[in-house]
Full PDB file with SEQRES, HELIX, SHEET, SSBOND, CRYST1, ORIGX, SCALE, CONECT and MASTER records, all heavy atoms in Angstrom:
SEQRES   1 A   34  ILE ILE LEU LEU ASN LYS ILE PRO GLY ASN GLU GLU ALA          
SEQRES   2 A   34  TYR GLU ILE ILE VAL ASP GLY GLU VAL LYS TYR LEU ILE          
SEQRES   3 A   34  TYR PHE ASP GLU ASP LYS GLU LYS                              
SHEET    1 AA1 3 ILE A   2  LYS A   6  0                                        
SHEET    2 AA1 3 ALA A  13  VAL A  18 -1                                        
SHEET    3 AA1 3 GLU A  21  TYR A  27 -1                                        
CRYST1    1.000    1.000    1.000  90.00  90.00  90.00 P 1           1          
ORIGX1      1.000000  0.000000  0.000000        0.00000                         
ORIGX2      0.000000  1.000000  0.000000        0.00000                         
ORIGX3      0.000000  0.000000  1.000000        0.00000                         
SCALE1      1.000000  0.000000  0.000000        0.00000                         
SCALE2      0.000000  1.000000  0.000000        0.00000                         
SCALE3      0.000000  0.000000  1.000000        0.00000                         
ATOM      1  N   ILE A   1     112.826 109.932 104.758  1.00  0.00           N  
ATOM      2  CA  ILE A   1     112.464 111.387 104.490  1.00  0.00           C  
ATOM      3  C   ILE A   1     111.133 111.449 103.789  1.00  0.00           C  
ATOM      4  O   ILE A   1     110.969 110.761 102.754  1.00  0.00           O  
ATOM      5  CB  ILE A   1     113.596 112.128 103.788  1.00  0.00           C  
ATOM      6  CG1 ILE A   1     114.826 112.326 104.663  1.00  0.00           C  
ATOM      7  CG2 ILE A   1     113.048 113.602 103.278  1.00  0.00           C  
ATOM      8  CD1 ILE A   1     115.967 112.960 103.917  1.00  0.00           C  
ATOM      9  N   ILE A   2     110.209 112.330 104.286  1.00  0.00           N  
ATOM     10  CA  ILE A   2     108.971 112.424 103.571  1.00  0.00           C  
ATOM     11  C   ILE A   2     108.829 113.980 103.264  1.00  0.00           C  
ATOM     12  O   ILE A   2     109.198 114.815 103.955  1.00  0.00           O  
ATOM     13  CB  ILE A   2     107.753 111.957 104.319  1.00  0.00           C  
ATOM     14  CG1 ILE A   2     107.557 112.738 105.607  1.00  0.00           C  
ATOM     15  CG2 ILE A   2     107.890 110.379 104.744  1.00  0.00           C  
ATOM     16  CD1 ILE A   2     106.212 112.504 106.357  1.00  0.00           C  
ATOM     17  N   LEU A   3     108.188 114.191 102.074  1.00  0.00           N  
ATOM     18  CA  LEU A   3     107.876 115.478 101.747  1.00  0.00           C  
ATOM     19  C   LEU A   3     106.245 115.600 101.394  1.00  0.00           C  
ATOM     20  O   LEU A   3     105.719 114.491 101.096  1.00  0.00           O  
ATOM     21  CB  LEU A   3     108.529 115.904 100.474  1.00  0.00           C  
ATOM     22  CG  LEU A   3     110.020 115.920 100.389  1.00  0.00           C  
ATOM     23  CD1 LEU A   3     110.482 116.208  99.090  1.00  0.00           C  
ATOM     24  CD2 LEU A   3     110.622 116.821 101.463  1.00  0.00           C  
ATOM     25  N   LEU A   4     105.686 116.681 101.726  1.00  0.00           N  
ATOM     26  CA  LEU A   4     104.256 116.813 101.613  1.00  0.00           C  
ATOM     27  C   LEU A   4     104.010 117.976 100.474  1.00  0.00           C  
ATOM     28  O   LEU A   4     104.389 119.003 100.689  1.00  0.00           O  
ATOM     29  CB  LEU A   4     103.670 117.216 102.897  1.00  0.00           C  
ATOM     30  CG  LEU A   4     103.607 116.276 104.066  1.00  0.00           C  
ATOM     31  CD1 LEU A   4     104.860 116.371 104.805  1.00  0.00           C  
ATOM     32  CD2 LEU A   4     102.422 116.421 104.970  1.00  0.00           C  
ATOM     33  N   ASN A   5     103.437 117.600  99.407  1.00  0.00           N  
ATOM     34  CA  ASN A   5     103.072 118.494  98.339  1.00  0.00           C  
ATOM     35  C   ASN A   5     101.602 118.892  98.313  1.00  0.00           C  
ATOM     36  O   ASN A   5     100.760 118.036  98.005  1.00  0.00           O  
ATOM     37  CB  ASN A   5     103.472 117.862  96.993  1.00  0.00           C  
ATOM     38  CG  ASN A   5     103.247 118.846  95.870  1.00  0.00           C  
ATOM     39  OD1 ASN A   5     103.626 120.035  95.943  1.00  0.00           O  
ATOM     40  ND2 ASN A   5     102.601 118.347  94.712  1.00  0.00           N  
ATOM     41  N   LYS A   6     101.389 120.114  98.712  1.00  0.00           N  
ATOM     42  CA  LYS A   6     100.072 120.577  98.794  1.00  0.00           C  
ATOM     43  C   LYS A   6      99.320 120.702  97.431  1.00  0.00           C  
ATOM     44  O   LYS A   6      99.988 121.341  96.465  1.00  0.00           O  
ATOM     45  CB  LYS A   6      99.968 121.985  99.491  1.00  0.00           C  
ATOM     46  CG  LYS A   6      98.467 122.342  99.956  1.00  0.00           C  
ATOM     47  CD  LYS A   6      98.497 123.566 100.873  1.00  0.00           C  
ATOM     48  CE  LYS A   6      97.037 123.831 101.311  1.00  0.00           C  
ATOM     49  NZ  LYS A   6      97.008 124.916 102.211  1.00  0.00           N  
ATOM     50  N   ILE A   7      98.180 120.147  97.262  1.00  0.00           N  
ATOM     51  CA  ILE A   7      97.497 120.146  96.019  1.00  0.00           C  
ATOM     52  C   ILE A   7      96.527 121.293  95.906  1.00  0.00           C  
ATOM     53  O   ILE A   7      95.720 121.410  96.791  1.00  0.00           O  
ATOM     54  CB  ILE A   7      96.872 118.858  95.689  1.00  0.00           C  
ATOM     55  CG1 ILE A   7      97.842 117.708  95.754  1.00  0.00           C  
ATOM     56  CG2 ILE A   7      96.160 118.781  94.401  1.00  0.00           C  
ATOM     57  CD1 ILE A   7      97.145 116.235  95.694  1.00  0.00           C  
ATOM     58  N   PRO A   8      96.522 122.200  94.818  1.00  0.00           N  
ATOM     59  CA  PRO A   8      95.529 123.198  94.706  1.00  0.00           C  
ATOM     60  C   PRO A   8      94.117 122.588  94.654  1.00  0.00           C  
ATOM     61  O   PRO A   8      93.886 121.516  94.129  1.00  0.00           O  
ATOM     62  CB  PRO A   8      95.909 123.902  93.368  1.00  0.00           C  
ATOM     63  CG  PRO A   8      97.310 123.445  93.149  1.00  0.00           C  
ATOM     64  CD  PRO A   8      97.475 122.169  93.647  1.00  0.00           C  
ATOM     65  N   GLY A   9      93.177 123.295  95.261  1.00  0.00           N  
ATOM     66  CA  GLY A   9      91.713 122.824  95.279  1.00  0.00           C  
ATOM     67  C   GLY A   9      91.050 123.371  96.456  1.00  0.00           C  
ATOM     68  O   GLY A   9      91.550 124.156  97.265  1.00  0.00           O  
ATOM     69  N   ASN A  10      89.836 122.960  96.523  1.00  0.00           N  
ATOM     70  CA  ASN A  10      88.902 123.427  97.575  1.00  0.00           C  
ATOM     71  C   ASN A  10      89.045 122.707  98.953  1.00  0.00           C  
ATOM     72  O   ASN A  10      88.655 123.190 100.018  1.00  0.00           O  
ATOM     73  CB  ASN A  10      87.511 123.217  97.198  1.00  0.00           C  
ATOM     74  CG  ASN A  10      87.099 124.155  95.985  1.00  0.00           C  
ATOM     75  OD1 ASN A  10      87.679 125.252  95.875  1.00  0.00           O  
ATOM     76  ND2 ASN A  10      86.263 123.677  95.126  1.00  0.00           N  
ATOM     77  N   GLU A  11      89.752 121.495  98.943  1.00  0.00           N  
ATOM     78  CA  GLU A  11      89.895 120.777 100.141  1.00  0.00           C  
ATOM     79  C   GLU A  11      91.329 120.661 100.551  1.00  0.00           C  
ATOM     80  O   GLU A  11      92.273 120.847  99.595  1.00  0.00           O  
ATOM     81  CB  GLU A  11      89.337 119.360 100.071  1.00  0.00           C  
ATOM     82  CG  GLU A  11      90.008 118.503  99.036  1.00  0.00           C  
ATOM     83  CD  GLU A  11      89.393 117.082  98.838  1.00  0.00           C  
ATOM     84  OE1 GLU A  11      88.359 116.922  99.453  1.00  0.00           O  
ATOM     85  OE2 GLU A  11      89.924 116.286  98.099  1.00  0.00           O  
ATOM     86  N   GLU A  12      91.689 120.447 101.791  1.00  0.00           N  
ATOM     87  CA  GLU A  12      93.040 120.263 102.086  1.00  0.00           C  
ATOM     88  C   GLU A  12      93.559 118.950 101.732  1.00  0.00           C  
ATOM     89  O   GLU A  12      93.061 117.877 102.145  1.00  0.00           O  
ATOM     90  CB  GLU A  12      93.162 120.364 103.751  1.00  0.00           C  
ATOM     91  CG  GLU A  12      94.491 120.374 104.236  1.00  0.00           C  
ATOM     92  CD  GLU A  12      95.134 121.683 104.407  1.00  0.00           C  
ATOM     93  OE1 GLU A  12      94.654 122.597 103.812  1.00  0.00           O  
ATOM     94  OE2 GLU A  12      96.096 121.811 105.122  1.00  0.00           O  
ATOM     95  N   ALA A  13      94.609 118.835 100.974  1.00  0.00           N  
ATOM     96  CA  ALA A  13      95.099 117.694 100.311  1.00  0.00           C  
ATOM     97  C   ALA A  13      96.508 117.770 100.105  1.00  0.00           C  
ATOM     98  O   ALA A  13      97.081 118.758  99.652  1.00  0.00           O  
ATOM     99  CB  ALA A  13      94.329 117.301  98.993  1.00  0.00           C  
ATOM    100  N   TYR A  14      97.233 116.583 100.381  1.00  0.00           N  
ATOM    101  CA  TYR A  14      98.706 116.587 100.110  1.00  0.00           C  
ATOM    102  C   TYR A  14      99.141 115.262  99.467  1.00  0.00           C  
ATOM    103  O   TYR A  14      98.641 114.181  99.822  1.00  0.00           O  
ATOM    104  CB  TYR A  14      99.511 116.587 101.467  1.00  0.00           C  
ATOM    105  CG  TYR A  14      99.276 117.875 102.207  1.00  0.00           C  
ATOM    106  CD1 TYR A  14      98.235 118.085 102.963  1.00  0.00           C  
ATOM    107  CD2 TYR A  14     100.232 118.926 102.017  1.00  0.00           C  
ATOM    108  CE1 TYR A  14      98.123 119.288 103.785  1.00  0.00           C  
ATOM    109  CE2 TYR A  14     100.095 120.227 102.703  1.00  0.00           C  
ATOM    110  CZ  TYR A  14      98.977 120.286 103.653  1.00  0.00           C  
ATOM    111  OH  TYR A  14      98.778 121.466 104.265  1.00  0.00           O  
ATOM    112  N   GLU A  15     100.011 115.369  98.472  1.00  0.00           N  
ATOM    113  CA  GLU A  15     100.776 114.213  97.954  1.00  0.00           C  
ATOM    114  C   GLU A  15     101.864 113.884  98.985  1.00  0.00           C  
ATOM    115  O   GLU A  15     102.586 114.878  99.305  1.00  0.00           O  
ATOM    116  CB  GLU A  15     101.322 114.509  96.497  1.00  0.00           C  
ATOM    117  CG  GLU A  15     100.207 114.526  95.546  1.00  0.00           C  
ATOM    118  CD  GLU A  15     100.702 114.963  94.137  1.00  0.00           C  
ATOM    119  OE1 GLU A  15     101.778 115.735  94.100  1.00  0.00           O  
ATOM    120  OE2 GLU A  15     100.207 114.565  93.128  1.00  0.00           O  
ATOM    121  N   ILE A  16     102.042 112.603  99.320  1.00  0.00           N  
ATOM    122  CA  ILE A  16     103.094 112.219 100.249  1.00  0.00           C  
ATOM    123  C   ILE A  16     104.217 111.486  99.384  1.00  0.00           C  
ATOM    124  O   ILE A  16     103.927 110.484  98.875  1.00  0.00           O  
ATOM    125  CB  ILE A  16     102.613 111.284 101.395  1.00  0.00           C  
ATOM    126  CG1 ILE A  16     101.254 111.880 102.052  1.00  0.00           C  
ATOM    127  CG2 ILE A  16     103.577 111.035 102.353  1.00  0.00           C  
ATOM    128  CD1 ILE A  16     101.474 113.271 102.646  1.00  0.00           C  
ATOM    129  N   ILE A  17     105.350 112.227  99.422  1.00  0.00           N  
ATOM    130  CA  ILE A  17     106.460 111.714  98.672  1.00  0.00           C  
ATOM    131  C   ILE A  17     107.384 111.005  99.552  1.00  0.00           C  
ATOM    132  O   ILE A  17     107.924 111.485 100.494  1.00  0.00           O  
ATOM    133  CB  ILE A  17     107.211 112.798  97.999  1.00  0.00           C  
ATOM    134  CG1 ILE A  17     106.242 113.684  97.104  1.00  0.00           C  
ATOM    135  CG2 ILE A  17     108.389 112.397  97.227  1.00  0.00           C  
ATOM    136  CD1 ILE A  17     106.377 115.191  97.173  1.00  0.00           C  
ATOM    137  N   VAL A  18     107.548 109.609  99.224  1.00  0.00           N  
ATOM    138  CA  VAL A  18     108.536 108.805  99.950  1.00  0.00           C  
ATOM    139  C   VAL A  18     109.329 107.935  98.955  1.00  0.00           C  
ATOM    140  O   VAL A  18     108.732 107.583  97.930  1.00  0.00           O  
ATOM    141  CB  VAL A  18     107.658 107.815 100.823  1.00  0.00           C  
ATOM    142  CG1 VAL A  18     108.541 106.999 101.833  1.00  0.00           C  
ATOM    143  CG2 VAL A  18     106.463 108.415 101.469  1.00  0.00           C  
ATOM    144  N   ASP A  19     110.563 107.800  99.331  1.00  0.00           N  
ATOM    145  CA  ASP A  19     111.378 106.966  98.333  1.00  0.00           C  
ATOM    146  C   ASP A  19     111.412 107.592  96.917  1.00  0.00           C  
ATOM    147  O   ASP A  19     111.541 106.803  95.888  1.00  0.00           O  
ATOM    148  CB  ASP A  19     110.948 105.546  98.243  1.00  0.00           C  
ATOM    149  CG  ASP A  19     111.077 104.758  99.656  1.00  0.00           C  
ATOM    150  OD1 ASP A  19     111.897 105.245 100.488  1.00  0.00           O  
ATOM    151  OD2 ASP A  19     110.314 103.855  99.881  1.00  0.00           O  
ATOM    152  N   GLY A  20     111.256 108.832  96.808  1.00  0.00           N  
ATOM    153  CA  GLY A  20     111.384 109.462  95.437  1.00  0.00           C  
ATOM    154  C   GLY A  20     110.137 109.374  94.657  1.00  0.00           C  
ATOM    155  O   GLY A  20     110.250 109.634  93.387  1.00  0.00           O  
ATOM    156  N   GLU A  21     109.007 109.088  95.238  1.00  0.00           N  
ATOM    157  CA  GLU A  21     107.727 108.978  94.394  1.00  0.00           C  
ATOM    158  C   GLU A  21     106.510 109.264  95.303  1.00  0.00           C  
ATOM    159  O   GLU A  21     106.621 109.218  96.549  1.00  0.00           O  
ATOM    160  CB  GLU A  21     107.562 107.485  93.827  1.00  0.00           C  
ATOM    161  CG  GLU A  21     107.466 106.421  94.802  1.00  0.00           C  
ATOM    162  CD  GLU A  21     107.221 105.141  94.161  1.00  0.00           C  
ATOM    163  OE1 GLU A  21     106.205 104.956  93.359  1.00  0.00           O  
ATOM    164  OE2 GLU A  21     108.080 104.195  94.375  1.00  0.00           O  
ATOM    165  N   VAL A  22     105.370 109.653  94.679  1.00  0.00           N  
ATOM    166  CA  VAL A  22     104.202 109.922  95.449  1.00  0.00           C  
ATOM    167  C   VAL A  22     103.622 108.575  95.739  1.00  0.00           C  
ATOM    168  O   VAL A  22     103.275 107.759  94.847  1.00  0.00           O  
ATOM    169  CB  VAL A  22     103.233 110.746  94.622  1.00  0.00           C  
ATOM    170  CG1 VAL A  22     101.934 110.826  95.393  1.00  0.00           C  
ATOM    171  CG2 VAL A  22     103.829 112.138  94.294  1.00  0.00           C  
ATOM    172  N   LYS A  23     103.468 108.208  97.017  1.00  0.00           N  
ATOM    173  CA  LYS A  23     102.952 106.939  97.338  1.00  0.00           C  
ATOM    174  C   LYS A  23     101.607 107.001  97.910  1.00  0.00           C  
ATOM    175  O   LYS A  23     100.846 105.927  97.903  1.00  0.00           O  
ATOM    176  CB  LYS A  23     103.865 106.214  98.393  1.00  0.00           C  
ATOM    177  CG  LYS A  23     105.139 105.681  97.668  1.00  0.00           C  
ATOM    178  CD  LYS A  23     105.961 104.780  98.762  1.00  0.00           C  
ATOM    179  CE  LYS A  23     107.117 104.173  97.966  1.00  0.00           C  
ATOM    180  NZ  LYS A  23     107.916 103.331  98.861  1.00  0.00           N  
ATOM    181  N   TYR A  24     101.189 108.175  98.441  1.00  0.00           N  
ATOM    182  CA  TYR A  24      99.849 108.348  99.073  1.00  0.00           C  
ATOM    183  C   TYR A  24      99.382 109.794  98.792  1.00  0.00           C  
ATOM    184  O   TYR A  24     100.189 110.605  98.548  1.00  0.00           O  
ATOM    185  CB  TYR A  24      99.879 108.103 100.632  1.00  0.00           C  
ATOM    186  CG  TYR A  24     100.558 106.790 100.959  1.00  0.00           C  
ATOM    187  CD1 TYR A  24     101.938 106.854 101.425  1.00  0.00           C  
ATOM    188  CD2 TYR A  24      99.867 105.644 100.952  1.00  0.00           C  
ATOM    189  CE1 TYR A  24     102.584 105.777 101.770  1.00  0.00           C  
ATOM    190  CE2 TYR A  24     100.635 104.463 101.286  1.00  0.00           C  
ATOM    191  CZ  TYR A  24     101.901 104.492 101.780  1.00  0.00           C  
ATOM    192  OH  TYR A  24     102.538 103.393 102.037  1.00  0.00           O  
ATOM    193  N   LEU A  25      98.106 109.881  98.785  1.00  0.00           N  
ATOM    194  CA  LEU A  25      97.539 111.189  98.877  1.00  0.00           C  
ATOM    195  C   LEU A  25      96.569 111.278  99.994  1.00  0.00           C  
ATOM    196  O   LEU A  25      95.617 110.386 100.101  1.00  0.00           O  
ATOM    197  CB  LEU A  25      96.695 111.563  97.528  1.00  0.00           C  
ATOM    198  CG  LEU A  25      96.180 112.957  97.395  1.00  0.00           C  
ATOM    199  CD1 LEU A  25      96.171 113.366  95.950  1.00  0.00           C  
ATOM    200  CD2 LEU A  25      94.874 113.053  97.964  1.00  0.00           C  
ATOM    201  N   ILE A  26      96.811 112.136 100.962  1.00  0.00           N  
ATOM    202  CA  ILE A  26      95.901 112.383 102.103  1.00  0.00           C  
ATOM    203  C   ILE A  26      95.050 113.591 101.839  1.00  0.00           C  
ATOM    204  O   ILE A  26      95.530 114.586 101.348  1.00  0.00           O  
ATOM    205  CB  ILE A  26      96.578 112.378 103.522  1.00  0.00           C  
ATOM    206  CG1 ILE A  26      97.529 113.582 103.451  1.00  0.00           C  
ATOM    207  CG2 ILE A  26      97.453 111.087 103.591  1.00  0.00           C  
ATOM    208  CD1 ILE A  26      98.070 113.780 104.919  1.00  0.00           C  
ATOM    209  N   TYR A  27      93.852 113.520 102.261  1.00  0.00           N  
ATOM    210  CA  TYR A  27      92.868 114.680 102.114  1.00  0.00           C  
ATOM    211  C   TYR A  27      91.960 114.684 103.287  1.00  0.00           C  
ATOM    212  O   TYR A  27      91.515 113.670 103.870  1.00  0.00           O  
ATOM    213  CB  TYR A  27      92.163 114.623 100.769  1.00  0.00           C  
ATOM    214  CG  TYR A  27      91.170 113.425 100.698  1.00  0.00           C  
ATOM    215  CD1 TYR A  27      89.808 113.585 100.912  1.00  0.00           C  
ATOM    216  CD2 TYR A  27      91.629 112.147 100.356  1.00  0.00           C  
ATOM    217  CE1 TYR A  27      88.996 112.615 100.826  1.00  0.00           C  
ATOM    218  CE2 TYR A  27      90.736 111.096 100.276  1.00  0.00           C  
ATOM    219  CZ  TYR A  27      89.425 111.415 100.458  1.00  0.00           C  
ATOM    220  OH  TYR A  27      88.452 110.234 100.387  1.00  0.00           O  
ATOM    221  N   PHE A  28      91.367 115.921 103.601  1.00  0.00           N  
ATOM    222  CA  PHE A  28      90.488 116.130 104.719  1.00  0.00           C  
ATOM    223  C   PHE A  28      89.111 115.968 104.159  1.00  0.00           C  
ATOM    224  O   PHE A  28      88.663 116.807 103.385  1.00  0.00           O  
ATOM    225  CB  PHE A  28      90.734 117.414 105.410  1.00  0.00           C  
ATOM    226  CG  PHE A  28      89.884 117.530 106.726  1.00  0.00           C  
ATOM    227  CD1 PHE A  28      90.223 116.919 107.873  1.00  0.00           C  
ATOM    228  CD2 PHE A  28      88.803 118.370 106.704  1.00  0.00           C  
ATOM    229  CE1 PHE A  28      89.564 116.927 109.002  1.00  0.00           C  
ATOM    230  CE2 PHE A  28      88.049 118.480 107.871  1.00  0.00           C  
ATOM    231  CZ  PHE A  28      88.431 117.678 109.063  1.00  0.00           C  
ATOM    232  N   ASP A  29      88.496 114.864 104.525  1.00  0.00           N  
ATOM    233  CA  ASP A  29      87.045 114.811 104.166  1.00  0.00           C  
ATOM    234  C   ASP A  29      86.116 115.658 104.989  1.00  0.00           C  
ATOM    235  O   ASP A  29      85.909 115.296 106.183  1.00  0.00           O  
ATOM    236  CB  ASP A  29      86.556 113.308 104.315  1.00  0.00           C  
ATOM    237  CG  ASP A  29      85.248 112.950 103.643  1.00  0.00           C  
ATOM    238  OD1 ASP A  29      84.324 113.729 103.869  1.00  0.00           O  
ATOM    239  OD2 ASP A  29      85.088 111.953 103.181  1.00  0.00           O  
ATOM    240  N   GLU A  30      85.545 116.692 104.380  1.00  0.00           N  
ATOM    241  CA  GLU A  30      84.903 117.716 105.291  1.00  0.00           C  
ATOM    242  C   GLU A  30      83.510 117.119 105.780  1.00  0.00           C  
ATOM    243  O   GLU A  30      83.092 117.509 106.769  1.00  0.00           O  
ATOM    244  CB  GLU A  30      84.583 118.904 104.377  1.00  0.00           C  
ATOM    245  CG  GLU A  30      85.939 119.648 104.023  1.00  0.00           C  
ATOM    246  CD  GLU A  30      85.719 120.947 103.306  1.00  0.00           C  
ATOM    247  OE1 GLU A  30      84.481 121.447 103.191  1.00  0.00           O  
ATOM    248  OE2 GLU A  30      86.752 121.594 102.912  1.00  0.00           O  
ATOM    249  N   ASP A  31      82.890 116.239 105.027  1.00  0.00           N  
ATOM    250  CA  ASP A  31      81.626 115.604 105.439  1.00  0.00           C  
ATOM    251  C   ASP A  31      81.801 114.616 106.659  1.00  0.00           C  
ATOM    252  O   ASP A  31      81.068 114.693 107.588  1.00  0.00           O  
ATOM    253  CB  ASP A  31      81.024 114.833 104.338  1.00  0.00           C  
ATOM    254  CG  ASP A  31      80.570 115.644 103.145  1.00  0.00           C  
ATOM    255  OD1 ASP A  31      80.242 116.925 103.516  1.00  0.00           O  
ATOM    256  OD2 ASP A  31      80.632 115.329 101.906  1.00  0.00           O  
ATOM    257  N   LYS A  32      82.933 113.904 106.582  1.00  0.00           N  
ATOM    258  CA  LYS A  32      83.208 112.962 107.700  1.00  0.00           C  
ATOM    259  C   LYS A  32      84.063 113.595 108.777  1.00  0.00           C  
ATOM    260  O   LYS A  32      84.281 112.954 109.832  1.00  0.00           O  
ATOM    261  CB  LYS A  32      83.916 111.662 107.171  1.00  0.00           C  
ATOM    262  CG  LYS A  32      82.920 110.892 106.268  1.00  0.00           C  
ATOM    263  CD  LYS A  32      83.676 109.630 105.801  1.00  0.00           C  
ATOM    264  CE  LYS A  32      82.659 108.695 104.877  1.00  0.00           C  
ATOM    265  NZ  LYS A  32      83.402 107.567 104.421  1.00  0.00           N  
ATOM    266  N   GLU A  33      84.641 114.694 108.447  1.00  0.00           N  
ATOM    267  CA  GLU A  33      85.557 115.484 109.385  1.00  0.00           C  
ATOM    268  C   GLU A  33      86.645 114.693 109.891  1.00  0.00           C  
ATOM    269  O   GLU A  33      87.058 114.491 111.048  1.00  0.00           O  
ATOM    270  CB  GLU A  33      84.795 116.017 110.652  1.00  0.00           C  
ATOM    271  CG  GLU A  33      83.725 117.078 110.258  1.00  0.00           C  
ATOM    272  CD  GLU A  33      83.012 117.718 111.489  1.00  0.00           C  
ATOM    273  OE1 GLU A  33      83.461 117.244 112.653  1.00  0.00           O  
ATOM    274  OE2 GLU A  33      82.332 118.632 111.399  1.00  0.00           O  
ATOM    275  N   LYS A  34      87.333 113.907 108.822  1.00  0.00           N  
ATOM    276  CA  LYS A  34      88.399 113.132 109.171  1.00  0.00           C  
ATOM    277  C   LYS A  34      89.376 113.101 107.928  1.00  0.00           C  
ATOM    278  O   LYS A  34      88.926 113.316 106.819  1.00  0.00           O  
ATOM    279  CB  LYS A  34      88.082 111.663 109.652  1.00  0.00           C  
ATOM    280  CG  LYS A  34      87.336 110.932 108.483  1.00  0.00           C  
ATOM    281  CD  LYS A  34      87.015 109.437 108.979  1.00  0.00           C  
ATOM    282  CE  LYS A  34      88.216 108.664 109.166  1.00  0.00           C  
ATOM    283  NZ  LYS A  34      87.924 107.235 109.432  1.00  0.00           N  
TER     284      LYS A  34                                                      
MASTER        0    0    0    0    3    0    0    6  283    1    0    3          
END                                                                             
């Protein structure tokens, strides 16, 4: 089971919660568009 916690800020970013802890943070790099 994964949960996505949206982080306040100017860019789209989420903490990815797995196994009861934040293991990754994904964010949209606007310069690289990825």
